[in-house]
PDB file of N, CA and C in Angstrom:
ATOM      1  N   MET A   1       0.855  -1.172   0.000  1.00  0.00           N
ATOM      2  CA  MET A   1       0.000   0.000   0.000  1.00  0.00           C
ATOM      3  C   MET A   1       0.901   1.234   0.000  1.00  0.00           C
ATOM      4  N   ASP A   2       0.600   2.157  -0.893  1.00  0.00           N
ATOM      5  CA  ASP A   2       1.413   3.369  -0.944  1.00  0.00           C
ATOM      6  C   ASP A   2       0.961   4.373   0.119  1.00  0.00           C
ATOM      7  N   ALA A   3       1.767   5.366   0.361  1.00  0.00           N
ATOM      8  CA  ALA A   3       1.517   6.341   1.427  1.00  0.00           C
ATOM      9  C   ALA A   3       0.235   7.131   1.193  1.00  0.00           C
ATOM     10  N   LYS A   4      -0.057   7.473  -0.046  1.00  0.00           N
ATOM     11  CA  LYS A   4      -1.259   8.258  -0.350  1.00  0.00           C
ATOM     12  C   LYS A   4      -2.535   7.469  -0.023  1.00  0.00           C
ATOM     13  N   LYS A   5      -2.535   6.196  -0.362  1.00  0.00           N
ATOM     14  CA  LYS A   5      -3.693   5.347  -0.064  1.00  0.00           C
ATOM     15  C   LYS A   5      -3.849   5.166   1.448  1.00  0.00           C
ATOM     16  N   ALA A   6      -2.734   4.958   2.150  1.00  0.00           N
ATOM     17  CA  ALA A   6      -2.769   4.816   3.602  1.00  0.00           C
ATOM     18  C   ALA A   6      -3.286   6.092   4.267  1.00  0.00           C
ATOM     19  N   GLU A   7      -2.896   7.242   3.734  1.00  0.00           N
ATOM     20  CA  GLU A   7      -3.368   8.511   4.269  1.00  0.00           C
ATOM     21  C   GLU A   7      -4.879   8.656   4.081  1.00  0.00           C
ATOM     22  N   LYS A   8      -5.368   8.279   2.921  1.00  0.00           N
ATOM     23  CA  LYS A   8      -6.799   8.366   2.629  1.00  0.00           C
ATOM     24  C   LYS A   8      -7.609   7.462   3.565  1.00  0.00           C
ATOM     25  N   ILE A   9      -7.139   6.243   3.771  1.00  0.00           N
ATOM     26  CA  ILE A   9      -7.818   5.313   4.672  1.00  0.00           C
ATOM     27  C   ILE A   9      -7.782   5.820   6.103  1.00  0.00           C
ATOM     28  N   SER A  10      -6.641   6.329   6.534  1.00  0.00           N
ATOM     29  CA  SER A  10      -6.514   6.869   7.888  1.00  0.00           C
ATOM     30  C   SER A  10      -7.466   8.030   8.112  1.00  0.00           C
ATOM     31  N   LYS A  11      -7.579   8.897   7.124  1.00  0.00           N
ATOM     32  CA  LYS A  11      -8.488  10.043   7.222  1.00  0.00           C
ATOM     33  C   LYS A  11      -9.936   9.569   7.335  1.00  0.00           C
ATOM     34  N   ALA A  12     -10.295   8.585   6.539  1.00  0.00           N
ATOM     35  CA  ALA A  12     -11.659   8.067   6.574  1.00  0.00           C
ATOM     36  C   ALA A  12     -11.999   7.453   7.930  1.00  0.00           C
ATOM     37  N   LEU A  13     -11.035   6.821   8.560  1.00  0.00           N
ATOM     38  CA  LEU A  13     -11.277   6.150   9.846  1.00  0.00           C
ATOM     39  C   LEU A  13     -11.067   7.059  11.053  1.00  0.00           C
ATOM     40  N   ALA A  14     -10.596   8.281  10.847  1.00  0.00           N
ATOM     41  CA  ALA A  14     -10.280   9.178  11.961  1.00  0.00           C
ATOM     42  C   ALA A  14     -11.514   9.816  12.590  1.00  0.00           C
ATOM     43  N   ASP A  15     -12.626   9.809  11.891  1.00  0.00           N
ATOM     44  CA  ASP A  15     -13.827  10.482  12.373  1.00  0.00           C
ATOM     45  C   ASP A  15     -14.795   9.479  13.003  1.00  0.00           C
ATOM     46  N   PRO A  16     -15.281   9.749  14.222  1.00  0.00           N
ATOM     47  CA  PRO A  16     -16.207   8.816  14.884  1.00  0.00           C
ATOM     48  C   PRO A  16     -17.492   8.575  14.085  1.00  0.00           C
ATOM     49  N   ASN A  17     -18.003   9.597  13.396  1.00  0.00           N
ATOM     50  CA  ASN A  17     -19.218   9.414  12.595  1.00  0.00           C
ATOM     51  C   ASN A  17     -18.967   8.442  11.449  1.00  0.00           C
ATOM     52  N   ARG A  18     -17.807   8.529  10.838  1.00  0.00           N
ATOM     53  CA  ARG A  18     -17.476   7.615   9.744  1.00  0.00           C
ATOM     54  C   ARG A  18     -17.376   6.178  10.251  1.00  0.00           C
ATOM     55  N   LEU A  19     -16.821   6.010  11.443  1.00  0.00           N
ATOM     56  CA  LEU A  19     -16.737   4.667  12.020  1.00  0.00           C
ATOM     57  C   LEU A  19     -18.127   4.109  12.310  1.00  0.00           C
ATOM     58  N   THR A  20     -19.024   4.968  12.793  1.00  0.00           N
ATOM     59  CA  THR A  20     -20.402   4.545  13.047  1.00  0.00           C
ATOM     60  C   THR A  20     -21.077   4.126  11.747  1.00  0.00           C
ATOM     61  N   ILE A  21     -20.866   4.900  10.695  1.00  0.00           N
ATOM     62  CA  ILE A  21     -21.427   4.566   9.380  1.00  0.00           C
ATOM     63  C   ILE A  21     -20.897   3.214   8.903  1.00  0.00           C
ATOM     64  N   LEU A  22     -19.592   3.000   9.025  1.00  0.00           N
ATOM     65  CA  LEU A  22     -19.001   1.722   8.610  1.00  0.00           C
ATOM     66  C   LEU A  22     -19.563   0.548   9.408  1.00  0.00           C
ATOM     67  N   LYS A  23     -19.769   0.739  10.704  1.00  0.00           N
ATOM     68  CA  LYS A  23     -20.339  -0.323  11.537  1.00  0.00           C
ATOM     69  C   LYS A  23     -21.743  -0.688  11.079  1.00  0.00           C
ATOM     70  N   GLU A  24     -22.547   0.320  10.733  1.00  0.00           N
ATOM     71  CA  GLU A  24     -23.908   0.057  10.259  1.00  0.00           C
ATOM     72  C   GLU A  24     -23.904  -0.665   8.916  1.00  0.00           C
ATOM     73  N   ILE A  25     -22.987  -0.293   8.043  1.00  0.00           N
ATOM     74  CA  ILE A  25     -22.881  -0.975   6.752  1.00  0.00           C
ATOM     75  C   ILE A  25     -22.507  -2.443   6.971  1.00  0.00           C
ATOM     76  N   LYS A  26     -21.569  -2.675   7.874  1.00  0.00           N
ATOM     77  CA  LYS A  26     -21.148  -4.049   8.155  1.00  0.00           C
ATOM     78  C   LYS A  26     -22.306  -4.870   8.724  1.00  0.00           C
ATOM     79  N   LYS A  27     -23.094  -4.259   9.605  1.00  0.00           N
ATOM     80  CA  LYS A  27     -24.240  -4.958  10.195  1.00  0.00           C
ATOM     81  C   LYS A  27     -25.270  -5.343   9.139  1.00  0.00           C
ATOM     82  N   SER A  28     -25.505  -4.457   8.188  1.00  0.00           N
ATOM     83  CA  SER A  28     -26.571  -4.690   7.212  1.00  0.00           C
ATOM     84  C   SER A  28     -26.197  -5.728   6.165  1.00  0.00           C
ATOM     85  N   LYS A  29     -24.917  -5.830   5.827  1.00  0.00           N
ATOM     86  CA  LYS A  29     -24.410  -6.772   4.829  1.00  0.00           C
ATOM     87  C   LYS A  29     -25.077  -6.592   3.461  1.00  0.00           C
ATOM     88  N   GLN A  30     -25.527  -5.380   3.182  1.00  0.00           N
ATOM     89  CA  GLN A  30     -26.104  -5.059   1.879  1.00  0.00           C
ATOM     90  C   GLN A  30     -25.927  -3.564   1.624  1.00  0.00           C
ATOM     91  N   CYS A  31     -26.247  -3.131   0.441  1.00  0.00           N
ATOM     92  CA  CYS A  31     -26.154  -1.707   0.125  1.00  0.00           C
ATOM     93  C   CYS A  31     -27.171  -0.925   0.942  1.00  0.00           C
ATOM     94  N   LEU A  32     -26.770   0.252   1.363  1.00  0.00           N
ATOM     95  CA  LEU A  32     -27.658   1.133   2.104  1.00  0.00           C
ATOM     96  C   LEU A  32     -27.706   2.488   1.434  1.00  0.00           C
ATOM     97  N   TYR A  33     -28.869   3.090   1.433  1.00  0.00           N
ATOM     98  CA  TYR A  33     -28.983   4.484   1.019  1.00  0.00           C
ATOM     99  C   TYR A  33     -28.742   5.348   2.244  1.00  0.00           C
ATOM    100  N   CYS A  34     -28.334   6.581   2.009  1.00  0.00           N
ATOM    101  CA  CYS A  34     -28.076   7.483   3.133  1.00  0.00           C
ATOM    102  C   CYS A  34     -29.302   7.614   4.034  1.00  0.00           C
ATOM    103  N   VAL A  35     -30.482   7.616   3.445  1.00  0.00           N
ATOM    104  CA  VAL A  35     -31.706   7.721   4.243  1.00  0.00           C
ATOM    105  C   VAL A  35     -31.868   6.512   5.170  1.00  0.00           C
ATOM    106  N   ASP A  36     -31.405   5.334   4.740  1.00  0.00           N
ATOM    107  CA  ASP A  36     -31.445   4.153   5.600  1.00  0.00           C
ATOM    108  C   ASP A  36     -30.568   4.354   6.831  1.00  0.00           C
ATOM    109  N   LEU A  37     -29.395   4.930   6.616  1.00  0.00           N
ATOM    110  CA  LEU A  37     -28.497   5.204   7.750  1.00  0.00           C
ATOM    111  C   LEU A  37     -29.087   6.272   8.659  1.00  0.00           C
ATOM    112  N   ASN A  38     -29.758   7.231   8.066  1.00  0.00           N
ATOM    113  CA  ASN A  38     -30.388   8.297   8.839  1.00  0.00           C
ATOM    114  C   ASN A  38     -31.404   7.711   9.816  1.00  0.00           C
ATOM    115  N   ASP A  39     -32.100   6.648   9.407  1.00  0.00           N
ATOM    116  CA  ASP A  39     -33.076   5.985  10.277  1.00  0.00           C
ATOM    117  C   ASP A  39     -32.400   5.193  11.392  1.00  0.00           C
ATOM    118  N   LYS A  40     -31.164   4.763  11.171  1.00  0.00           N
ATOM    119  CA  LYS A  40     -30.481   3.897  12.132  1.00  0.00           C
ATOM    120  C   LYS A  40     -29.592   4.643  13.125  1.00  0.00           C
ATOM    121  N   ILE A  41     -29.018   5.760  12.703  1.00  0.00           N
ATOM    122  CA  ILE A  41     -28.119   6.498  13.587  1.00  0.00           C
ATOM    123  C   ILE A  41     -28.595   7.939  13.723  1.00  0.00           C
ATOM    124  N   ASN A  42     -28.255   8.560  14.802  1.00  0.00           N
ATOM    125  CA  ASN A  42     -28.745   9.895  15.122  1.00  0.00           C
ATOM    126  C   ASN A  42     -27.852  10.972  14.511  1.00  0.00           C
ATOM    127  N   LEU A  43     -27.875  11.059  13.189  1.00  0.00           N
ATOM    128  CA  LEU A  43     -27.131  12.086  12.472  1.00  0.00           C
ATOM    129  C   LEU A  43     -28.021  12.674  11.388  1.00  0.00           C
ATOM    130  N   ALA A  44     -27.841  13.943  11.112  1.00  0.00           N
ATOM    131  CA  ALA A  44     -28.560  14.580  10.019  1.00  0.00           C
ATOM    132  C   ALA A  44     -28.060  14.028   8.690  1.00  0.00           C
ATOM    133  N   GLN A  45     -28.883  14.107   7.660  1.00  0.00           N
ATOM    134  CA  GLN A  45     -28.541  13.554   6.352  1.00  0.00           C
ATOM    135  C   GLN A  45     -27.218  14.098   5.811  1.00  0.00           C
ATOM    136  N   PRO A  46     -26.951  15.427   5.890  1.00  0.00           N
ATOM    137  CA  PRO A  46     -25.652  15.907   5.404  1.00  0.00           C
ATOM    138  C   PRO A  46     -24.470  15.340   6.194  1.00  0.00           C
ATOM    139  N   SER A  47     -24.699  15.040   7.473  1.00  0.00           N
ATOM    140  CA  SER A  47     -23.642  14.464   8.306  1.00  0.00           C
ATOM    141  C   SER A  47     -23.378  13.009   7.958  1.00  0.00           C
ATOM    142  N   ILE A  48     -24.275  12.411   7.196  1.00  0.00           N
ATOM    143  CA  ILE A  48     -24.081  11.048   6.697  1.00  0.00           C
ATOM    144  C   ILE A  48     -23.535  11.094   5.275  1.00  0.00           C
ATOM    145  N   ALA A  49     -24.089  11.962   4.455  1.00  0.00           N
ATOM    146  CA  ALA A  49     -23.721  12.002   3.037  1.00  0.00           C
ATOM    147  C   ALA A  49     -22.258  12.373   2.818  1.00  0.00           C
ATOM    148  N   HIS A  50     -21.791  13.419   3.487  1.00  0.00           N
ATOM    149  CA  HIS A  50     -20.405  13.850   3.268  1.00  0.00           C
ATOM    150  C   HIS A  50     -19.387  12.801   3.722  1.00  0.00           C
ATOM    151  N   PRO A  51     -19.504  12.265   4.938  1.00  0.00           N
ATOM    152  CA  PRO A  51     -18.564  11.202   5.318  1.00  0.00           C
ATOM    153  C   PRO A  51     -18.655   9.986   4.410  1.00  0.00           C
ATOM    154  N   SER A  52     -19.839   9.707   3.899  1.00  0.00           N
ATOM    155  CA  SER A  52     -20.003   8.583   2.986  1.00  0.00           C
ATOM    156  C   SER A  52     -19.202   8.788   1.711  1.00  0.00           C
ATOM    157  N   GLU A  53     -19.174  10.019   1.233  1.00  0.00           N
ATOM    158  CA  GLU A  53     -18.373  10.341   0.053  1.00  0.00           C
ATOM    159  C   GLU A  53     -16.893  10.124   0.334  1.00  0.00           C
ATOM    160  N   ILE A  54     -16.458  10.487   1.534  1.00  0.00           N
ATOM    161  CA  ILE A  54     -15.049  10.307   1.899  1.00  0.00           C
ATOM    162  C   ILE A  54     -14.717   8.823   1.999  1.00  0.00           C
ATOM    163  N   ILE A  55     -15.608   8.052   2.601  1.00  0.00           N
ATOM    164  CA  ILE A  55     -15.376   6.615   2.772  1.00  0.00           C
ATOM    165  C   ILE A  55     -15.302   5.912   1.420  1.00  0.00           C
ATOM    166  N   THR A  56     -16.250   6.215   0.544  1.00  0.00           N
ATOM    167  CA  THR A  56     -16.330   5.505  -0.734  1.00  0.00           C
ATOM    168  C   THR A  56     -15.517   6.146  -1.828  1.00  0.00           C
ATOM    169  N   GLY A  57     -15.214   7.422  -1.685  1.00  0.00           N
ATOM    170  CA  GLY A  57     -14.486   8.135  -2.721  1.00  0.00           C
ATOM    171  C   GLY A  57     -15.361   8.560  -3.884  1.00  0.00           C
ATOM    172  N   LYS A  58     -16.684   8.429  -3.725  1.00  0.00           N
ATOM    173  CA  LYS A  58     -17.591   8.834  -4.785  1.00  0.00           C
ATOM    174  C   LYS A  58     -18.917   9.323  -4.212  1.00  0.00           C
ATOM    175  N   ARG A  59     -19.633  10.027  -5.030  1.00  0.00           N
ATOM    176  CA  ARG A  59     -20.922  10.592  -4.643  1.00  0.00           C
ATOM    177  C   ARG A  59     -22.028   9.776  -5.320  1.00  0.00           C
ATOM    178  N   THR A  60     -22.583   8.813  -4.598  1.00  0.00           N
ATOM    179  CA  THR A  60     -23.548   7.917  -5.238  1.00  0.00           C
ATOM    180  C   THR A  60     -24.918   7.950  -4.591  1.00  0.00           C
ATOM    181  N   GLY A  61     -25.006   8.250  -3.290  1.00  0.00           N
ATOM    182  CA  GLY A  61     -26.281   8.192  -2.607  1.00  0.00           C
ATOM    183  C   GLY A  61     -26.531   6.862  -1.933  1.00  0.00           C
ATOM    184  N   TYR A  62     -25.693   5.867  -2.225  1.00  0.00           N
ATOM    185  CA  TYR A  62     -25.817   4.580  -1.539  1.00  0.00           C
ATOM    186  C   TYR A  62     -24.443   4.050  -1.203  1.00  0.00           C
ATOM    187  N   LEU A  63     -24.431   3.153  -0.240  1.00  0.00           N
ATOM    188  CA  LEU A  63     -23.171   2.571   0.241  1.00  0.00           C
ATOM    189  C   LEU A  63     -23.270   1.066   0.201  1.00  0.00           C
ATOM    190  N   GLY A  64     -22.199   0.465  -0.099  1.00  0.00           N
ATOM    191  CA  GLY A  64     -22.207  -0.985  -0.048  1.00  0.00           C
ATOM    192  C   GLY A  64     -21.186  -1.593  -0.958  1.00  0.00           C
TER     193      GLY A  64
END
């Protein structure tokens, strides 16, 4: 793994909200829309959407 990729992964895992999002994705074992996460965790939709973009590296509206 190169340094740039390691930095990106470290940044994604540094935020507690991002870790919560990842835990919910792991629990579901399927693709989730941001609205699905909004129902499961106590965060506003923008607080889910932006970290999701960082985690996935893309703006899709769903995770998985």
